[in-house]
Amino acid sequence: MKNILILAGDGIGPEVMREACRIIDWFGAHRGLEVNLEHDLVGGAAYDVHQCAISDATMEKALAADIVMLGAVGGAKWDNVDYA
């Protein structure tokens, strides 16, 4: 079984990742693909919650995952954020 971390991101990212998850689910139901999906925040969505673009905990999950799927990040709301 593969562990997949979904980092949907911002803007259109969550919409795109929702559709990607539907495809993964289809392969699970029709082709026996066995995966464990986990979701977390990145980009502006993470900044709104954690005041950083990616938390240490999310980075640890990403390093441990077999696959990381990253959606689009950014948007006007976060154009002037100091990520340093």
PDB file of N, CA and C in Angstrom:
ATOM      1  N   MET A   1       0.845  -1.175   0.000  1.00  0.00           N
ATOM      2  CA  MET A   1       0.000   0.000   0.000  1.00  0.00           C
ATOM      3  C   MET A   1       0.891   1.239   0.000  1.00  0.00           C
ATOM      4  N   LYS A   2       0.551   2.171  -0.862  1.00  0.00           N
ATOM      5  CA  LYS A   2       1.283   3.427  -0.961  1.00  0.00           C
ATOM      6  C   LYS A   2       0.585   4.495  -0.120  1.00  0.00           C
ATOM      7  N   ASN A   3       1.386   5.326   0.514  1.00  0.00           N
ATOM      8  CA  ASN A   3       0.873   6.462   1.276  1.00  0.00           C
ATOM      9  C   ASN A   3       1.006   7.718   0.425  1.00  0.00           C
ATOM     10  N   ILE A   4      -0.128   8.370   0.182  1.00  0.00           N
ATOM     11  CA  ILE A   4      -0.161   9.572  -0.640  1.00  0.00           C
ATOM     12  C   ILE A   4      -0.582  10.745   0.231  1.00  0.00           C
ATOM     13  N   LEU A   5       0.234  11.791   0.212  1.00  0.00           N
ATOM     14  CA  LEU A   5      -0.098  13.026   0.916  1.00  0.00           C
ATOM     15  C   LEU A   5      -0.622  14.024  -0.105  1.00  0.00           C
ATOM     16  N   ILE A   6      -1.829  14.498   0.121  1.00  0.00           N
ATOM     17  CA  ILE A   6      -2.461  15.481  -0.747  1.00  0.00           C
ATOM     18  C   ILE A   6      -2.301  16.857  -0.108  1.00  0.00           C
ATOM     19  N   LEU A   7      -1.578  17.733  -0.791  1.00  0.00           N
ATOM     20  CA  LEU A   7      -1.435  19.123  -0.364  1.00  0.00           C
ATOM     21  C   LEU A   7      -2.160  19.962  -1.410  1.00  0.00           C
ATOM     22  N   ALA A   8      -3.423  20.243  -1.157  1.00  0.00           N
ATOM     23  CA  ALA A   8      -4.286  20.844  -2.176  1.00  0.00           C
ATOM     24  C   ALA A   8      -3.903  22.273  -2.532  1.00  0.00           C
ATOM     25  N   GLY A   9      -3.351  23.013  -1.585  1.00  0.00           N
ATOM     26  CA  GLY A   9      -2.945  24.385  -1.879  1.00  0.00           C
ATOM     27  C   GLY A   9      -4.098  25.362  -1.824  1.00  0.00           C
ATOM     28  N   ASP A  10      -4.050  26.352  -2.709  1.00  0.00           N
ATOM     29  CA  ASP A  10      -4.995  27.471  -2.690  1.00  0.00           C
ATOM     30  C   ASP A  10      -5.640  27.631  -4.067  1.00  0.00           C
ATOM     31  N   GLY A  11      -6.526  28.621  -4.145  1.00  0.00           N
ATOM     32  CA  GLY A  11      -7.134  28.943  -5.431  1.00  0.00           C
ATOM     33  C   GLY A  11      -7.794  27.726  -6.050  1.00  0.00           C
ATOM     34  N   ILE A  12      -7.370  27.376  -7.248  1.00  0.00           N
ATOM     35  CA  ILE A  12      -7.937  26.229  -7.957  1.00  0.00           C
ATOM     36  C   ILE A  12      -7.369  24.898  -7.454  1.00  0.00           C
ATOM     37  N   GLY A  13      -6.302  24.947  -6.658  1.00  0.00           N
ATOM     38  CA  GLY A  13      -5.652  23.730  -6.171  1.00  0.00           C
ATOM     39  C   GLY A  13      -6.592  22.726  -5.522  1.00  0.00           C
ATOM     40  N   PRO A  14      -7.414  23.143  -4.539  1.00  0.00           N
ATOM     41  CA  PRO A  14      -8.318  22.183  -3.912  1.00  0.00           C
ATOM     42  C   PRO A  14      -9.303  21.544  -4.895  1.00  0.00           C
ATOM     43  N   GLU A  15      -9.787  22.324  -5.854  1.00  0.00           N
ATOM     44  CA  GLU A  15     -10.718  21.782  -6.853  1.00  0.00           C
ATOM     45  C   GLU A  15     -10.029  20.716  -7.707  1.00  0.00           C
ATOM     46  N   VAL A  16      -8.814  20.993  -8.131  1.00  0.00           N
ATOM     47  CA  VAL A  16      -8.062  20.041  -8.952  1.00  0.00           C
ATOM     48  C   VAL A  16      -7.741  18.784  -8.146  1.00  0.00           C
ATOM     49  N   MET A  17      -7.322  18.957  -6.901  1.00  0.00           N
ATOM     50  CA  MET A  17      -6.967  17.802  -6.075  1.00  0.00           C
ATOM     51  C   MET A  17      -8.182  16.945  -5.741  1.00  0.00           C
ATOM     52  N   ARG A  18      -9.359  17.568  -5.589  1.00  0.00           N
ATOM     53  CA  ARG A  18     -10.591  16.788  -5.377  1.00  0.00           C
ATOM     54  C   ARG A  18     -10.820  15.837  -6.545  1.00  0.00           C
ATOM     55  N   GLU A  19     -10.636  16.337  -7.762  1.00  0.00           N
ATOM     56  CA  GLU A  19     -10.824  15.496  -8.944  1.00  0.00           C
ATOM     57  C   GLU A  19      -9.743  14.415  -9.024  1.00  0.00           C
ATOM     58  N   ALA A  20      -8.522  14.761  -8.668  1.00  0.00           N
ATOM     59  CA  ALA A  20      -7.445  13.764  -8.655  1.00  0.00           C
ATOM     60  C   ALA A  20      -7.773  12.652  -7.663  1.00  0.00           C
ATOM     61  N   CYS A  21      -8.317  13.009  -6.514  1.00  0.00           N
ATOM     62  CA  CYS A  21      -8.696  12.002  -5.513  1.00  0.00           C
ATOM     63  C   CYS A  21      -9.826  11.117  -6.024  1.00  0.00           C
ATOM     64  N   ARG A  22     -10.739  11.687  -6.789  1.00  0.00           N
ATOM     65  CA  ARG A  22     -11.810  10.875  -7.382  1.00  0.00           C
ATOM     66  C   ARG A  22     -11.226   9.827  -8.330  1.00  0.00           C
ATOM     67  N   ILE A  23     -10.209  10.206  -9.084  1.00  0.00           N
ATOM     68  CA  ILE A  23      -9.560   9.258 -10.001  1.00  0.00           C
ATOM     69  C   ILE A  23      -8.860   8.163  -9.214  1.00  0.00           C
ATOM     70  N   ILE A  24      -8.149   8.542  -8.172  1.00  0.00           N
ATOM     71  CA  ILE A  24      -7.476   7.551  -7.323  1.00  0.00           C
ATOM     72  C   ILE A  24      -8.507   6.603  -6.719  1.00  0.00           C
ATOM     73  N   ASP A  25      -9.623   7.149  -6.225  1.00  0.00           N
ATOM     74  CA  ASP A  25     -10.690   6.311  -5.665  1.00  0.00           C
ATOM     75  C   ASP A  25     -11.240   5.342  -6.708  1.00  0.00           C
ATOM     76  N   TRP A  26     -11.390   5.809  -7.946  1.00  0.00           N
ATOM     77  CA  TRP A  26     -11.887   4.936  -9.014  1.00  0.00           C
ATOM     78  C   TRP A  26     -10.938   3.766  -9.219  1.00  0.00           C
ATOM     79  N   PHE A  27      -9.647   4.053  -9.278  1.00  0.00           N
ATOM     80  CA  PHE A  27      -8.677   2.976  -9.457  1.00  0.00           C
ATOM     81  C   PHE A  27      -8.700   2.012  -8.277  1.00  0.00           C
ATOM     82  N   GLY A  28      -8.971   2.511  -7.089  1.00  0.00           N
ATOM     83  CA  GLY A  28      -9.107   1.629  -5.936  1.00  0.00           C
ATOM     84  C   GLY A  28     -10.304   0.709  -6.069  1.00  0.00           C
ATOM     85  N   ALA A  29     -11.428   1.264  -6.509  1.00  0.00           N
ATOM     86  CA  ALA A  29     -12.665   0.492  -6.627  1.00  0.00           C
ATOM     87  C   ALA A  29     -12.673  -0.456  -7.817  1.00  0.00           C
ATOM     88  N   HIS A  30     -12.015  -0.080  -8.927  1.00  0.00           N
ATOM     89  CA  HIS A  30     -12.114  -0.858 -10.159  1.00  0.00           C
ATOM     90  C   HIS A  30     -10.849  -1.609 -10.557  1.00  0.00           C
ATOM     91  N   ARG A  31      -9.732  -1.248  -9.974  1.00  0.00           N
ATOM     92  CA  ARG A  31      -8.469  -1.883 -10.366  1.00  0.00           C
ATOM     93  C   ARG A  31      -7.655  -2.384  -9.175  1.00  0.00           C
ATOM     94  N   GLY A  32      -8.233  -2.305  -7.995  1.00  0.00           N
ATOM     95  CA  GLY A  32      -7.567  -2.848  -6.816  1.00  0.00           C
ATOM     96  C   GLY A  32      -6.395  -2.032  -6.294  1.00  0.00           C
ATOM     97  N   LEU A  33      -6.302  -0.783  -6.691  1.00  0.00           N
ATOM     98  CA  LEU A  33      -5.227   0.077  -6.199  1.00  0.00           C
ATOM     99  C   LEU A  33      -5.423   0.307  -4.703  1.00  0.00           C
ATOM    100  N   GLU A  34      -4.399   0.004  -3.935  1.00  0.00           N
ATOM    101  CA  GLU A  34      -4.476   0.176  -2.488  1.00  0.00           C
ATOM    102  C   GLU A  34      -3.591   1.341  -2.074  1.00  0.00           C
ATOM    103  N   VAL A  35      -4.231   2.394  -1.607  1.00  0.00           N
ATOM    104  CA  VAL A  35      -3.500   3.585  -1.168  1.00  0.00           C
ATOM    105  C   VAL A  35      -4.116   4.116   0.117  1.00  0.00           C
ATOM    106  N   ASN A  36      -3.305   4.830   0.849  1.00  0.00           N
ATOM    107  CA  ASN A  36      -3.756   5.559   2.023  1.00  0.00           C
ATOM    108  C   ASN A  36      -3.619   7.036   1.698  1.00  0.00           C
ATOM    109  N   LEU A  37      -4.741   7.743   1.630  1.00  0.00           N
ATOM    110  CA  LEU A  37      -4.719   9.172   1.328  1.00  0.00           C
ATOM    111  C   LEU A  37      -4.751   9.971   2.621  1.00  0.00           C
ATOM    112  N   GLU A  38      -3.854  10.947   2.710  1.00  0.00           N
ATOM    113  CA  GLU A  38      -3.851  11.880   3.833  1.00  0.00           C
ATOM    114  C   GLU A  38      -3.818  13.290   3.248  1.00  0.00           C
ATOM    115  N   HIS A  39      -4.490  14.208   3.891  1.00  0.00           N
ATOM    116  CA  HIS A  39      -4.581  15.584   3.408  1.00  0.00           C
ATOM    117  C   HIS A  39      -3.970  16.532   4.432  1.00  0.00           C
ATOM    118  N   ASP A  40      -3.315  17.587   3.931  1.00  0.00           N
ATOM    119  CA  ASP A  40      -2.785  18.621   4.816  1.00  0.00           C
ATOM    120  C   ASP A  40      -2.717  19.938   4.058  1.00  0.00           C
ATOM    121  N   LEU A  41      -2.255  20.965   4.735  1.00  0.00           N
ATOM    122  CA  LEU A  41      -2.250  22.324   4.190  1.00  0.00           C
ATOM    123  C   LEU A  41      -0.877  22.737   3.692  1.00  0.00           C
ATOM    124  N   VAL A  42      -0.881  23.579   2.653  1.00  0.00           N
ATOM    125  CA  VAL A  42       0.348  24.168   2.130  1.00  0.00           C
ATOM    126  C   VAL A  42      -0.004  25.519   1.516  1.00  0.00           C
ATOM    127  N   GLY A  43       0.988  26.385   1.403  1.00  0.00           N
ATOM    128  CA  GLY A  43       0.788  27.686   0.766  1.00  0.00           C
ATOM    129  C   GLY A  43      -0.014  28.633   1.634  1.00  0.00           C
ATOM    130  N   GLY A  44      -0.841  29.433   0.995  1.00  0.00           N
ATOM    131  CA  GLY A  44      -1.640  30.413   1.719  1.00  0.00           C
ATOM    132  C   GLY A  44      -2.596  29.784   2.715  1.00  0.00           C
ATOM    133  N   ALA A  45      -3.161  28.639   2.378  1.00  0.00           N
ATOM    134  CA  ALA A  45      -4.063  27.951   3.306  1.00  0.00           C
ATOM    135  C   ALA A  45      -3.330  27.594   4.591  1.00  0.00           C
ATOM    136  N   ALA A  46      -2.091  27.138   4.472  1.00  0.00           N
ATOM    137  CA  ALA A  46      -1.278  26.827   5.654  1.00  0.00           C
ATOM    138  C   ALA A  46      -0.902  28.104   6.387  1.00  0.00           C
ATOM    139  N   TYR A  47      -0.589  29.150   5.633  1.00  0.00           N
ATOM    140  CA  TYR A  47      -0.211  30.419   6.257  1.00  0.00           C
ATOM    141  C   TYR A  47      -1.349  30.970   7.114  1.00  0.00           C
ATOM    142  N   ASP A  48      -2.570  30.852   6.626  1.00  0.00           N
ATOM    143  CA  ASP A  48      -3.722  31.341   7.380  1.00  0.00           C
ATOM    144  C   ASP A  48      -3.876  30.626   8.723  1.00  0.00           C
ATOM    145  N   VAL A  49      -3.469  29.369   8.792  1.00  0.00           N
ATOM    146  CA  VAL A  49      -3.611  28.575  10.014  1.00  0.00           C
ATOM    147  C   VAL A  49      -2.344  28.594  10.863  1.00  0.00           C
ATOM    148  N   HIS A  50      -1.185  28.425  10.213  1.00  0.00           N
ATOM    149  CA  HIS A  50       0.080  28.227  10.942  1.00  0.00           C
ATOM    150  C   HIS A  50       1.055  29.400  10.842  1.00  0.00           C
ATOM    151  N   GLN A  51       0.733  30.421  10.068  1.00  0.00           N
ATOM    152  CA  GLN A  51       1.619  31.558   9.813  1.00  0.00           C
ATOM    153  C   GLN A  51       2.929  31.132   9.141  1.00  0.00           C
ATOM    154  N   CYS A  52       2.872  30.056   8.382  1.00  0.00           N
ATOM    155  CA  CYS A  52       3.999  29.617   7.548  1.00  0.00           C
ATOM    156  C   CYS A  52       3.420  28.843   6.368  1.00  0.00           C
ATOM    157  N   ALA A  53       4.174  28.792   5.268  1.00  0.00           N
ATOM    158  CA  ALA A  53       3.669  28.172   4.039  1.00  0.00           C
ATOM    159  C   ALA A  53       3.549  26.656   4.143  1.00  0.00           C
ATOM    160  N   ILE A  54       4.363  26.050   5.000  1.00  0.00           N
ATOM    161  CA  ILE A  54       4.260  24.614   5.265  1.00  0.00           C
ATOM    162  C   ILE A  54       4.780  24.381   6.674  1.00  0.00           C
ATOM    163  N   SER A  55       3.994  23.699   7.476  1.00  0.00           N
ATOM    164  CA  SER A  55       4.392  23.468   8.866  1.00  0.00           C
ATOM    165  C   SER A  55       5.438  22.358   8.933  1.00  0.00           C
ATOM    166  N   ASP A  56       6.163  22.316  10.034  1.00  0.00           N
ATOM    167  CA  ASP A  56       7.140  21.241  10.235  1.00  0.00           C
ATOM    168  C   ASP A  56       6.457  19.878  10.214  1.00  0.00           C
ATOM    169  N   ALA A  57       5.271  19.799  10.815  1.00  0.00           N
ATOM    170  CA  ALA A  57       4.539  18.530  10.841  1.00  0.00           C
ATOM    171  C   ALA A  57       4.161  18.082   9.432  1.00  0.00           C
ATOM    172  N   THR A  58       3.733  19.026   8.595  1.00  0.00           N
ATOM    173  CA  THR A  58       3.387  18.689   7.214  1.00  0.00           C
ATOM    174  C   THR A  58       4.623  18.262   6.440  1.00  0.00           C
ATOM    175  N   MET A  59       5.739  18.936   6.670  1.00  0.00           N
ATOM    176  CA  MET A  59       6.987  18.559   6.002  1.00  0.00           C
ATOM    177  C   MET A  59       7.401  17.143   6.398  1.00  0.00           C
ATOM    178  N   GLU A  60       7.234  16.793   7.665  1.00  0.00           N
ATOM    179  CA  GLU A  60       7.551  15.430   8.114  1.00  0.00           C
ATOM    180  C   GLU A  60       6.658  14.411   7.413  1.00  0.00           C
ATOM    181  N   LYS A  61       5.372  14.734   7.283  1.00  0.00           N
ATOM    182  CA  LYS A  61       4.455  13.841   6.568  1.00  0.00           C
ATOM    183  C   LYS A  61       4.888  13.680   5.112  1.00  0.00           C
ATOM    184  N   ALA A  62       5.302  14.785   4.496  1.00  0.00           N
ATOM    185  CA  ALA A  62       5.728  14.739   3.094  1.00  0.00           C
ATOM    186  C   ALA A  62       6.966  13.865   2.926  1.00  0.00           C
ATOM    187  N   LEU A  63       7.906  13.992   3.831  1.00  0.00           N
ATOM    188  CA  LEU A  63       9.132  13.187   3.746  1.00  0.00           C
ATOM    189  C   LEU A  63       8.852  11.705   3.958  1.00  0.00           C
ATOM    190  N   ALA A  64       7.840  11.391   4.757  1.00  0.00           N
ATOM    191  CA  ALA A  64       7.501   9.993   5.036  1.00  0.00           C
ATOM    192  C   ALA A  64       6.607   9.374   3.961  1.00  0.00           C
ATOM    193  N   ALA A  65       5.925  10.203   3.178  1.00  0.00           N
ATOM    194  CA  ALA A  65       4.980   9.705   2.173  1.00  0.00           C
ATOM    195  C   ALA A  65       5.712   9.079   0.992  1.00  0.00           C
ATOM    196  N   ASP A  66       5.025   8.144   0.341  1.00  0.00           N
ATOM    197  CA  ASP A  66       5.544   7.575  -0.902  1.00  0.00           C
ATOM    198  C   ASP A  66       5.339   8.552  -2.058  1.00  0.00           C
ATOM    199  N   ILE A  67       4.237   9.283  -1.998  1.00  0.00           N
ATOM    200  CA  ILE A  67       3.869  10.220  -3.057  1.00  0.00           C
ATOM    201  C   ILE A  67       3.317  11.485  -2.408  1.00  0.00           C
ATOM    202  N   VAL A  68       3.715  12.643  -2.922  1.00  0.00           N
ATOM    203  CA  VAL A  68       3.138  13.916  -2.498  1.00  0.00           C
ATOM    204  C   VAL A  68       2.522  14.558  -3.732  1.00  0.00           C
ATOM    205  N   MET A  69       1.244  14.861  -3.640  1.00  0.00           N
ATOM    206  CA  MET A  69       0.556  15.547  -4.729  1.00  0.00           C
ATOM    207  C   MET A  69       0.326  16.985  -4.290  1.00  0.00           C
ATOM    208  N   LEU A  70       0.895  17.926  -5.047  1.00  0.00           N
ATOM    209  CA  LEU A  70       0.855  19.340  -4.692  1.00  0.00           C
ATOM    210  C   LEU A  70      -0.023  20.109  -5.665  1.00  0.00           C
ATOM    211  N   GLY A  71      -1.041  20.751  -5.125  1.00  0.00           N
ATOM    212  CA  GLY A  71      -1.910  21.588  -5.934  1.00  0.00           C
ATOM    213  C   GLY A  71      -1.341  22.986  -6.078  1.00  0.00           C
ATOM    214  N   ALA A  72      -2.037  23.806  -6.820  1.00  0.00           N
ATOM    215  CA  ALA A  72      -1.618  25.192  -7.036  1.00  0.00           C
ATOM    216  C   ALA A  72      -1.603  25.949  -5.713  1.00  0.00           C
ATOM    217  N   VAL A  73      -0.641  26.855  -5.580  1.00  0.00           N
ATOM    218  CA  VAL A  73      -0.556  27.687  -4.380  1.00  0.00           C
ATOM    219  C   VAL A  73      -0.450  29.152  -4.774  1.00  0.00           C
ATOM    220  N   GLY A  74      -0.838  30.008  -3.852  1.00  0.00           N
ATOM    221  CA  GLY A  74      -0.711  31.441  -4.064  1.00  0.00           C
ATOM    222  C   GLY A  74      -2.015  32.092  -4.447  1.00  0.00           C
ATOM    223  N   GLY A  75      -1.974  33.390  -4.446  1.00  0.00           N
ATOM    224  CA  GLY A  75      -3.132  34.191  -4.791  1.00  0.00           C
ATOM    225  C   GLY A  75      -2.944  35.590  -4.246  1.00  0.00           C
ATOM    226  N   ALA A  76      -3.777  36.487  -4.690  1.00  0.00           N
ATOM    227  CA  ALA A  76      -3.649  37.896  -4.316  1.00  0.00           C
ATOM    228  C   ALA A  76      -3.661  38.098  -2.806  1.00  0.00           C
ATOM    229  N   LYS A  77      -4.402  37.298  -2.093  1.00  0.00           N
ATOM    230  CA  LYS A  77      -4.500  37.423  -0.638  1.00  0.00           C
ATOM    231  C   LYS A  77      -3.134  37.301   0.034  1.00  0.00           C
ATOM    232  N   TRP A  78      -2.224  36.520  -0.570  1.00  0.00           N
ATOM    233  CA  TRP A  78      -0.929  36.240   0.053  1.00  0.00           C
ATOM    234  C   TRP A  78       0.233  36.875  -0.706  1.00  0.00           C
ATOM    235  N   ASP A  79      -0.045  37.799  -1.622  1.00  0.00           N
ATOM    236  CA  ASP A  79       1.020  38.420  -2.423  1.00  0.00           C
ATOM    237  C   ASP A  79       2.058  39.155  -1.585  1.00  0.00           C
ATOM    238  N   ASN A  80       1.661  39.762  -0.494  1.00  0.00           N
ATOM    239  CA  ASN A  80       2.581  40.575   0.298  1.00  0.00           C
ATOM    240  C   ASN A  80       2.966  39.933   1.625  1.00  0.00           C
ATOM    241  N   VAL A  81       2.790  38.632   1.738  1.00  0.00           N
ATOM    242  CA  VAL A  81       3.146  37.920   2.968  1.00  0.00           C
ATOM    243  C   VAL A  81       4.656  37.715   3.006  1.00  0.00           C
ATOM    244  N   ASP A  82       5.247  37.946   4.169  1.00  0.00           N
ATOM    245  CA  ASP A  82       6.679  37.702   4.363  1.00  0.00           C
ATOM    246  C   ASP A  82       6.851  36.255   4.816  1.00  0.00           C
ATOM    247  N   TYR A  83       7.250  35.384   3.897  1.00  0.00           N
ATOM    248  CA  TYR A  83       7.409  33.965   4.209  1.00  0.00           C
ATOM    249  C   TYR A  83       8.754  33.651   4.849  1.00  0.00           C
ATOM    250  N   ALA A  84       9.616  34.645   5.022  1.00  0.00           N
ATOM    251  CA  ALA A  84      10.953  34.404   5.574  1.00  0.00           C
ATOM    252  C   ALA A  84      10.905  33.989   7.021  1.00  0.00           C
TER     253      ALA A  84
END
